[in-house]
Amino acid sequence: MKMIGGREVKPHSKPYMASIQVYNKKMKSYKHYCGGALIANKWVLTAASCQVRGPILVVLGAHDLSQNEKSQQKFEAKKWYPHQQFNRKTPENDIMLLELASEAKINKYVKLLKLPKDGNMDVKPRTRCTVAGWGGTTVGSKCPSDTLQEVKLSVIDRKICNSKDYYNHKPEVTKNMICAGDKKGRKDTYLGDSGGPLICGNNYTGIVSSGPETPDAKKPGIYTLITKEYLDWIKNIIGVQTYNMTAEELY
């Protein structure tokens, strides 16, 4: 997913954003691949479709990835935890936890994004939401944006998204997903933005999952809705297996 029709955010105004980077053998350096959000000192929430083989670097506290900013904290990825029922053929269960090799230092540049306490039951159509990421900014671009961008989108009714004029149930937009886009098809997220957070009404609502290769009003972006089921899955991995924390301590 890449961000089209967006704008640069105020530097460090989204301190929870994570850049997930893969090692490029030809360039002998790491390159931005997916987004994510820091939800606990050692944990980033992202999309299961972002899982790749090879070394992974997670950069926190960044605005301009082309600069070695003093605010940046860099971590090796210790382990992926993709949802056990994720299948790359559909966007269903496109959610994953990424465990960092060490704890992030929380400061004004690096902060946690709070998960919804009870899970998101649903989001009303026409709700305005914001997505941020370092995805490319022009159609066909294979280069990520150096600076963090954001775009504002509107939630679209699932019935409309599943209608013949839109996705026609290919893929099926289920109750665990949100459709969001731009009426004119000029704004959207694409390659490089997957895994980033969807913020609706100041709440962490969803995760960038999938969409068309070029902006299309009839093919809006699809997002994983952070439901109670997914919250329980997150708590189980973070709270029981690693920290032995109670659910309340995660917020």
C-alpha atoms as a PDB file:
ATOM      1  CA  MET A   1       0.000   0.000   0.000  1.00  0.00           C
ATOM      2  CA  LYS A   2       1.286   3.531  -0.806  1.00  0.00           C
ATOM      3  CA  MET A   3      -0.116   6.901   0.162  1.00  0.00           C
ATOM      4  CA  ILE A   4      -1.640   8.929  -2.666  1.00  0.00           C
ATOM      5  CA  GLY A   5      -3.070  12.419  -2.266  1.00  0.00           C
ATOM      6  CA  GLY A   6      -1.739  12.794   1.257  1.00  0.00           C
ATOM      7  CA  ARG A   7       0.334  15.480   2.942  1.00  0.00           C
ATOM      8  CA  GLU A   8       3.393  15.547   5.158  1.00  0.00           C
ATOM      9  CA  VAL A   9       2.582  15.422   8.861  1.00  0.00           C
ATOM     10  CA  LYS A  10       4.007  17.774  11.451  1.00  0.00           C
ATOM     11  CA  PRO A  11       7.349  16.159  12.438  1.00  0.00           C
ATOM     12  CA  HIS A  12       7.000  13.758  15.390  1.00  0.00           C
ATOM     13  CA  SER A  13       3.267  14.447  15.788  1.00  0.00           C
ATOM     14  CA  LYS A  14       2.597  10.684  15.579  1.00  0.00           C
ATOM     15  CA  PRO A  15       5.231   9.268  17.968  1.00  0.00           C
ATOM     16  CA  TYR A  16       3.662   5.795  17.932  1.00  0.00           C
ATOM     17  CA  MET A  17       4.499   5.178  14.266  1.00  0.00           C
ATOM     18  CA  ALA A  18       6.929   2.384  13.403  1.00  0.00           C
ATOM     19  CA  SER A  19       8.823   1.852  10.147  1.00  0.00           C
ATOM     20  CA  ILE A  20       9.343  -1.856   9.489  1.00  0.00           C
ATOM     21  CA  GLN A  21      12.349  -2.252   7.209  1.00  0.00           C
ATOM     22  CA  VAL A  22      13.813  -5.165   5.243  1.00  0.00           C
ATOM     23  CA  TYR A  23      17.441  -5.636   4.249  1.00  0.00           C
ATOM     24  CA  ASN A  24      18.227  -4.846   0.606  1.00  0.00           C
ATOM     25  CA  LYS A  25      21.235  -6.949  -0.465  1.00  0.00           C
ATOM     26  CA  LYS A  26      21.999  -4.815  -3.522  1.00  0.00           C
ATOM     27  CA  MET A  27      21.952  -1.546  -1.585  1.00  0.00           C
ATOM     28  CA  LYS A  28      23.464  -3.200   1.498  1.00  0.00           C
ATOM     29  CA  SER A  29      21.057  -1.255   3.680  1.00  0.00           C
ATOM     30  CA  TYR A  30      17.581  -1.453   5.158  1.00  0.00           C
ATOM     31  CA  LYS A  31      14.582  -0.088   3.248  1.00  0.00           C
ATOM     32  CA  HIS A  32      11.091   0.791   4.507  1.00  0.00           C
ATOM     33  CA  TYR A  33       8.618  -2.000   3.797  1.00  0.00           C
ATOM     34  CA  CYS A  34       5.579  -1.645   6.087  1.00  0.00           C
ATOM     35  CA  GLY A  35       4.153   0.517   8.830  1.00  0.00           C
ATOM     36  CA  GLY A  36       3.034  -0.344  12.327  1.00  0.00           C
ATOM     37  CA  ALA A  37       2.182   1.124  15.719  1.00  0.00           C
ATOM     38  CA  LEU A  38       4.036   0.725  19.014  1.00  0.00           C
ATOM     39  CA  ILE A  39       1.489  -0.639  21.518  1.00  0.00           C
ATOM     40  CA  ALA A  40       3.857  -1.789  24.288  1.00  0.00           C
ATOM     41  CA  ASN A  41       7.556  -1.231  25.013  1.00  0.00           C
ATOM     42  CA  LYS A  42       8.600  -4.314  23.048  1.00  0.00           C
ATOM     43  CA  TRP A  43       5.617  -4.773  20.745  1.00  0.00           C
ATOM     44  CA  VAL A  44       4.513  -3.351  17.397  1.00  0.00           C
ATOM     45  CA  LEU A  45       1.081  -4.096  15.935  1.00  0.00           C
ATOM     46  CA  THR A  46       1.033  -4.415  12.140  1.00  0.00           C
ATOM     47  CA  ALA A  47      -0.515  -6.489   9.320  1.00  0.00           C
ATOM     48  CA  ALA A  48       0.142 -10.216   8.857  1.00  0.00           C
ATOM     49  CA  SER A  49       0.652  -9.530   5.146  1.00  0.00           C
ATOM     50  CA  CYS A  50       3.834  -7.645   6.137  1.00  0.00           C
ATOM     51  CA  GLN A  51       5.638 -10.820   7.239  1.00  0.00           C
ATOM     52  CA  VAL A  52       8.813 -11.459   5.233  1.00  0.00           C
ATOM     53  CA  ARG A  53      11.898 -13.635   5.524  1.00  0.00           C
ATOM     54  CA  GLY A  54      15.298 -12.253   6.394  1.00  0.00           C
ATOM     55  CA  PRO A  55      16.606  -9.570   8.758  1.00  0.00           C
ATOM     56  CA  ILE A  56      14.100  -6.969   9.922  1.00  0.00           C
ATOM     57  CA  LEU A  57      14.825  -3.555  11.403  1.00  0.00           C
ATOM     58  CA  VAL A  58      12.156  -1.552  13.235  1.00  0.00           C
ATOM     59  CA  VAL A  59      12.673   2.209  13.409  1.00  0.00           C
ATOM     60  CA  LEU A  60      10.789   4.273  15.998  1.00  0.00           C
ATOM     61  CA  GLY A  61      10.808   8.039  16.581  1.00  0.00           C
ATOM     62  CA  ALA A  62      11.342   8.816  12.901  1.00  0.00           C
ATOM     63  CA  HIS A  63       9.956  11.519  10.635  1.00  0.00           C
ATOM     64  CA  ASP A  64      12.440  11.591   7.747  1.00  0.00           C
ATOM     65  CA  LEU A  65      13.789   8.107   7.067  1.00  0.00           C
ATOM     66  CA  SER A  66      16.534   9.476   4.812  1.00  0.00           C
ATOM     67  CA  GLN A  67      18.088  11.253   7.787  1.00  0.00           C
ATOM     68  CA  ASN A  68      19.847   9.742  10.776  1.00  0.00           C
ATOM     69  CA  GLU A  69      17.669  11.694  13.212  1.00  0.00           C
ATOM     70  CA  LYS A  70      18.732  11.764  16.871  1.00  0.00           C
ATOM     71  CA  SER A  71      15.135  10.971  17.787  1.00  0.00           C
ATOM     72  CA  GLN A  72      15.255   7.569  16.073  1.00  0.00           C
ATOM     73  CA  GLN A  73      15.486   4.287  17.952  1.00  0.00           C
ATOM     74  CA  LYS A  74      16.336   1.166  15.951  1.00  0.00           C
ATOM     75  CA  PHE A  75      15.611  -2.427  16.921  1.00  0.00           C
ATOM     76  CA  GLU A  76      16.075  -5.868  15.495  1.00  0.00           C
ATOM     77  CA  ALA A  77      12.876  -7.884  15.245  1.00  0.00           C
ATOM     78  CA  LYS A  78      12.950 -10.838  17.631  1.00  0.00           C
ATOM     79  CA  LYS A  79       9.856 -12.705  16.426  1.00  0.00           C
ATOM     80  CA  TRP A  80       6.739 -12.402  14.256  1.00  0.00           C
ATOM     81  CA  TYR A  81       3.329 -13.429  15.614  1.00  0.00           C
ATOM     82  CA  PRO A  82       0.947 -13.449  12.617  1.00  0.00           C
ATOM     83  CA  HIS A  83      -2.671 -14.346  13.356  1.00  0.00           C
ATOM     84  CA  GLN A  84      -2.944 -18.128  13.177  1.00  0.00           C
ATOM     85  CA  GLN A  85      -5.924 -17.946  10.793  1.00  0.00           C
ATOM     86  CA  PHE A  86      -4.426 -15.464   8.330  1.00  0.00           C
ATOM     87  CA  ASN A  87      -4.403 -16.607   4.708  1.00  0.00           C
ATOM     88  CA  ARG A  88      -2.765 -14.413   2.060  1.00  0.00           C
ATOM     89  CA  LYS A  89      -5.607 -15.152  -0.362  1.00  0.00           C
ATOM     90  CA  THR A  90      -7.975 -12.871   1.613  1.00  0.00           C
ATOM     91  CA  PRO A  91      -7.633  -9.838   3.938  1.00  0.00           C
ATOM     92  CA  GLU A  92      -9.324 -11.808   6.765  1.00  0.00           C
ATOM     93  CA  ASN A  93      -7.288 -11.840  10.021  1.00  0.00           C
ATOM     94  CA  ASP A  94      -4.616  -9.560   8.523  1.00  0.00           C
ATOM     95  CA  ILE A  95      -3.100  -8.703  11.880  1.00  0.00           C
ATOM     96  CA  MET A  96       0.308  -9.456  13.408  1.00  0.00           C
ATOM     97  CA  LEU A  97       2.412  -8.657  16.441  1.00  0.00           C
ATOM     98  CA  LEU A  98       6.129  -7.996  16.065  1.00  0.00           C
ATOM     99  CA  GLU A  99       8.312  -8.470  19.133  1.00  0.00           C
ATOM    100  CA  LEU A 100      11.360  -6.215  19.392  1.00  0.00           C
ATOM    101  CA  ALA A 101      14.710  -7.576  20.586  1.00  0.00           C
ATOM    102  CA  SER A 102      14.790  -4.968  23.377  1.00  0.00           C
ATOM    103  CA  GLU A 103      12.479  -2.406  24.960  1.00  0.00           C
ATOM    104  CA  ALA A 104      11.865   0.990  23.391  1.00  0.00           C
ATOM    105  CA  LYS A 105      12.652   4.044  25.479  1.00  0.00           C
ATOM    106  CA  ILE A 106       9.451   6.061  25.833  1.00  0.00           C
ATOM    107  CA  ASN A 107       9.992   9.809  25.410  1.00  0.00           C
ATOM    108  CA  LYS A 108       8.490  12.734  23.467  1.00  0.00           C
ATOM    109  CA  TYR A 109       9.521  11.132  20.151  1.00  0.00           C
ATOM    110  CA  VAL A 110       8.495   7.550  20.952  1.00  0.00           C
ATOM    111  CA  LYS A 111       5.140   6.865  22.598  1.00  0.00           C
ATOM    112  CA  LEU A 112       2.607   4.046  22.783  1.00  0.00           C
ATOM    113  CA  LEU A 113      -0.645   4.071  20.836  1.00  0.00           C
ATOM    114  CA  LYS A 114      -3.470   2.986  23.129  1.00  0.00           C
ATOM    115  CA  LEU A 115      -5.534   0.042  22.017  1.00  0.00           C
ATOM    116  CA  PRO A 116      -9.333   0.345  22.309  1.00  0.00           C
ATOM    117  CA  LYS A 117     -10.275  -0.971  25.762  1.00  0.00           C
ATOM    118  CA  ASP A 118     -13.223  -3.102  24.684  1.00  0.00           C
ATOM    119  CA  GLY A 119     -12.535  -3.508  20.993  1.00  0.00           C
ATOM    120  CA  ASN A 120     -14.274  -1.678  18.175  1.00  0.00           C
ATOM    121  CA  MET A 121     -17.778  -3.011  17.610  1.00  0.00           C
ATOM    122  CA  ASP A 122     -18.113  -1.103  14.346  1.00  0.00           C
ATOM    123  CA  VAL A 123     -17.612   2.291  12.735  1.00  0.00           C
ATOM    124  CA  LYS A 124     -20.459   4.199  11.142  1.00  0.00           C
ATOM    125  CA  PRO A 125     -20.325   4.917   7.394  1.00  0.00           C
ATOM    126  CA  ARG A 126     -19.056   8.419   6.509  1.00  0.00           C
ATOM    127  CA  THR A 127     -16.902   8.546   9.671  1.00  0.00           C
ATOM    128  CA  ARG A 128     -13.750  10.525   8.903  1.00  0.00           C
ATOM    129  CA  CYS A 129     -10.499   8.705   9.641  1.00  0.00           C
ATOM    130  CA  THR A 130      -6.778   9.325   9.200  1.00  0.00           C
ATOM    131  CA  VAL A 131      -3.988   7.002   8.068  1.00  0.00           C
ATOM    132  CA  ALA A 132      -0.255   7.739   8.174  1.00  0.00           C
ATOM    133  CA  GLY A 133       2.711   6.043   6.551  1.00  0.00           C
ATOM    134  CA  TRP A 134       5.922   6.235   4.551  1.00  0.00           C
ATOM    135  CA  GLY A 135       4.466   4.586   1.433  1.00  0.00           C
ATOM    136  CA  GLY A 136       5.194   5.986  -2.036  1.00  0.00           C
ATOM    137  CA  THR A 137       3.369   9.175  -3.019  1.00  0.00           C
ATOM    138  CA  THR A 138       2.945   8.667  -6.773  1.00  0.00           C
ATOM    139  CA  VAL A 139       1.269   5.884  -8.746  1.00  0.00           C
ATOM    140  CA  GLY A 140       3.819   3.314  -9.906  1.00  0.00           C
ATOM    141  CA  SER A 141       6.534   4.529  -7.540  1.00  0.00           C
ATOM    142  CA  LYS A 142       8.566   1.765  -5.923  1.00  0.00           C
ATOM    143  CA  CYS A 143      10.298   4.209  -3.590  1.00  0.00           C
ATOM    144  CA  PRO A 144       8.848   4.933  -0.166  1.00  0.00           C
ATOM    145  CA  SER A 145       8.380   8.507   0.982  1.00  0.00           C
ATOM    146  CA  ASP A 146      11.284   9.896   3.005  1.00  0.00           C
ATOM    147  CA  THR A 147       8.902  11.818   5.275  1.00  0.00           C
ATOM    148  CA  LEU A 148       5.834  10.585   7.123  1.00  0.00           C
ATOM    149  CA  GLN A 149       2.620  11.351   5.215  1.00  0.00           C
ATOM    150  CA  GLU A 150      -1.043  11.248   6.202  1.00  0.00           C
ATOM    151  CA  VAL A 151      -4.340  11.077   4.334  1.00  0.00           C
ATOM    152  CA  LYS A 152      -7.946  11.586   5.467  1.00  0.00           C
ATOM    153  CA  LEU A 153     -10.541   9.066   4.314  1.00  0.00           C
ATOM    154  CA  SER A 154     -14.212   8.278   4.918  1.00  0.00           C
ATOM    155  CA  VAL A 155     -15.653   4.941   6.070  1.00  0.00           C
ATOM    156  CA  ILE A 156     -17.873   3.270   3.451  1.00  0.00           C
ATOM    157  CA  ASP A 157     -20.787   0.965   4.233  1.00  0.00           C
ATOM    158  CA  ARG A 158     -19.850  -2.734   3.888  1.00  0.00           C
ATOM    159  CA  LYS A 159     -22.933  -3.396   1.764  1.00  0.00           C
ATOM    160  CA  ILE A 160     -21.672  -0.829  -0.735  1.00  0.00           C
ATOM    161  CA  CYS A 161     -18.143  -2.270  -0.642  1.00  0.00           C
ATOM    162  CA  ASN A 162     -19.477  -5.765  -1.321  1.00  0.00           C
ATOM    163  CA  SER A 163     -21.831  -4.613  -4.103  1.00  0.00           C
ATOM    164  CA  LYS A 164     -21.313  -5.456  -7.792  1.00  0.00           C
ATOM    165  CA  ASP A 165     -20.043  -1.949  -8.575  1.00  0.00           C
ATOM    166  CA  TYR A 166     -17.346  -2.243  -5.909  1.00  0.00           C
ATOM    167  CA  TYR A 167     -15.588  -5.447  -4.773  1.00  0.00           C
ATOM    168  CA  ASN A 168     -18.494  -7.793  -5.565  1.00  0.00           C
ATOM    169  CA  HIS A 169     -17.402 -10.017  -2.649  1.00  0.00           C
ATOM    170  CA  LYS A 170     -13.913 -10.444  -4.175  1.00  0.00           C
ATOM    171  CA  PRO A 171     -12.624 -10.083  -1.520  1.00  0.00           C
ATOM    172  CA  GLU A 172     -15.494 -10.317   0.935  1.00  0.00           C
ATOM    173  CA  VAL A 173     -15.506  -7.309   3.284  1.00  0.00           C
ATOM    174  CA  THR A 174     -16.504  -8.945   6.568  1.00  0.00           C
ATOM    175  CA  LYS A 175     -17.518  -7.569   9.975  1.00  0.00           C
ATOM    176  CA  ASN A 176     -13.836  -7.793  10.951  1.00  0.00           C
ATOM    177  CA  MET A 177     -12.905  -5.265   8.258  1.00  0.00           C
ATOM    178  CA  ILE A 178     -13.534  -1.616   7.408  1.00  0.00           C
ATOM    179  CA  CYS A 179     -13.789  -0.081   3.955  1.00  0.00           C
ATOM    180  CA  ALA A 180     -12.527   3.498   3.718  1.00  0.00           C
ATOM    181  CA  GLY A 181     -11.714   5.731   0.776  1.00  0.00           C
ATOM    182  CA  ASP A 182     -12.200   8.946  -1.117  1.00  0.00           C
ATOM    183  CA  LYS A 183     -15.317   9.681  -3.223  1.00  0.00           C
ATOM    184  CA  LYS A 184     -13.232  10.913  -6.140  1.00  0.00           C
ATOM    185  CA  GLY A 185     -10.663   8.131  -5.866  1.00  0.00           C
ATOM    186  CA  ARG A 186      -7.808  10.616  -5.512  1.00  0.00           C
ATOM    187  CA  LYS A 187      -6.660   9.609  -2.051  1.00  0.00           C
ATOM    188  CA  ASP A 188      -5.712   6.208  -0.702  1.00  0.00           C
ATOM    189  CA  THR A 189      -3.021   4.032   0.852  1.00  0.00           C
ATOM    190  CA  TYR A 190      -0.910   1.468  -1.034  1.00  0.00           C
ATOM    191  CA  LEU A 191       2.416  -0.420  -0.914  1.00  0.00           C
ATOM    192  CA  GLY A 192       4.527   0.698   2.024  1.00  0.00           C
ATOM    193  CA  ASP A 193       1.582   1.818   4.169  1.00  0.00           C
ATOM    194  CA  SER A 194       0.319  -1.682   5.025  1.00  0.00           C
ATOM    195  CA  GLY A 195       0.305  -2.368   8.746  1.00  0.00           C
ATOM    196  CA  GLY A 196      -0.095   1.293   9.687  1.00  0.00           C
ATOM    197  CA  PRO A 197      -2.845   2.440  12.060  1.00  0.00           C
ATOM    198  CA  LEU A 198      -6.266   3.736  11.018  1.00  0.00           C
ATOM    199  CA  ILE A 199      -7.303   6.452  13.471  1.00  0.00           C
ATOM    200  CA  CYS A 200     -11.014   7.337  13.678  1.00  0.00           C
ATOM    201  CA  GLY A 201     -12.140   9.985  16.163  1.00  0.00           C
ATOM    202  CA  ASN A 202      -8.774   9.870  17.972  1.00  0.00           C
ATOM    203  CA  ASN A 203      -9.189   6.116  18.500  1.00  0.00           C
ATOM    204  CA  TYR A 204      -6.947   3.321  17.192  1.00  0.00           C
ATOM    205  CA  THR A 205      -9.580   1.659  15.040  1.00  0.00           C
ATOM    206  CA  GLY A 206      -7.935  -0.447  12.365  1.00  0.00           C
ATOM    207  CA  ILE A 207      -4.861  -1.611  10.461  1.00  0.00           C
ATOM    208  CA  VAL A 208      -4.054  -0.924   6.798  1.00  0.00           C
ATOM    209  CA  SER A 209      -4.568  -4.232   4.993  1.00  0.00           C
ATOM    210  CA  SER A 210      -5.216  -4.166   1.234  1.00  0.00           C
ATOM    211  CA  GLY A 211      -6.472  -2.179  -1.729  1.00  0.00           C
ATOM    212  CA  PRO A 212      -6.048  -1.532  -5.483  1.00  0.00           C
ATOM    213  CA  GLU A 213      -2.747  -0.805  -7.215  1.00  0.00           C
ATOM    214  CA  THR A 214      -3.995   2.639  -8.260  1.00  0.00           C
ATOM    215  CA  PRO A 215      -6.567   4.846  -6.472  1.00  0.00           C
ATOM    216  CA  ASP A 216     -10.109   3.877  -7.458  1.00  0.00           C
ATOM    217  CA  ALA A 217     -13.292   5.296  -5.912  1.00  0.00           C
ATOM    218  CA  LYS A 218     -14.968   1.883  -6.433  1.00  0.00           C
ATOM    219  CA  LYS A 219     -12.081  -0.050  -4.868  1.00  0.00           C
ATOM    220  CA  PRO A 220     -11.497   1.677  -1.511  1.00  0.00           C
ATOM    221  CA  GLY A 221      -8.865   0.547   0.970  1.00  0.00           C
ATOM    222  CA  ILE A 222      -9.651  -2.404   3.250  1.00  0.00           C
ATOM    223  CA  TYR A 223      -8.627  -2.275   6.917  1.00  0.00           C
ATOM    224  CA  THR A 224      -8.569  -4.844   9.703  1.00  0.00           C
ATOM    225  CA  LEU A 225     -11.004  -3.686  12.405  1.00  0.00           C
ATOM    226  CA  ILE A 226      -9.527  -4.064  15.904  1.00  0.00           C
ATOM    227  CA  THR A 227     -12.361  -6.071  17.452  1.00  0.00           C
ATOM    228  CA  LYS A 228     -12.685  -7.636  20.904  1.00  0.00           C
ATOM    229  CA  GLU A 229     -11.590 -10.973  19.428  1.00  0.00           C
ATOM    230  CA  TYR A 230      -8.377  -9.427  18.146  1.00  0.00           C
ATOM    231  CA  LEU A 231      -7.817  -7.630  21.466  1.00  0.00           C
ATOM    232  CA  ASP A 232      -8.081 -10.961  23.290  1.00  0.00           C
ATOM    233  CA  TRP A 233      -5.584 -12.439  20.815  1.00  0.00           C
ATOM    234  CA  ILE A 234      -3.166  -9.544  21.476  1.00  0.00           C
ATOM    235  CA  LYS A 235      -3.541  -9.855  25.258  1.00  0.00           C
ATOM    236  CA  ASN A 236      -2.902 -13.577  25.077  1.00  0.00           C
ATOM    237  CA  ILE A 237       0.408 -13.137  23.254  1.00  0.00           C
ATOM    238  CA  ILE A 238       1.695 -10.073  25.087  1.00  0.00           C
ATOM    239  CA  GLY A 239       0.111 -10.571  28.493  1.00  0.00           C
ATOM    240  CA  VAL A 240       0.435 -14.294  29.092  1.00  0.00           C
ATOM    241  CA  GLN A 241       3.283 -15.612  26.975  1.00  0.00           C
ATOM    242  CA  THR A 242       5.736 -12.801  27.530  1.00  0.00           C
ATOM    243  CA  TYR A 243       5.042 -10.398  30.367  1.00  0.00           C
ATOM    244  CA  ASN A 244       2.545 -12.316  32.473  1.00  0.00           C
ATOM    245  CA  MET A 245       0.705  -9.017  32.856  1.00  0.00           C
ATOM    246  CA  THR A 246      -2.980  -8.611  33.576  1.00  0.00           C
ATOM    247  CA  ALA A 247      -5.158  -7.217  30.788  1.00  0.00           C
ATOM    248  CA  GLU A 248      -5.522  -3.932  32.693  1.00  0.00           C
ATOM    249  CA  GLU A 249      -1.766  -3.402  32.741  1.00  0.00           C
ATOM    250  CA  LEU A 250      -1.656  -3.378  28.957  1.00  0.00           C
ATOM    251  CA  TYR A 251      -3.495  -0.061  28.777  1.00  0.00           C
END
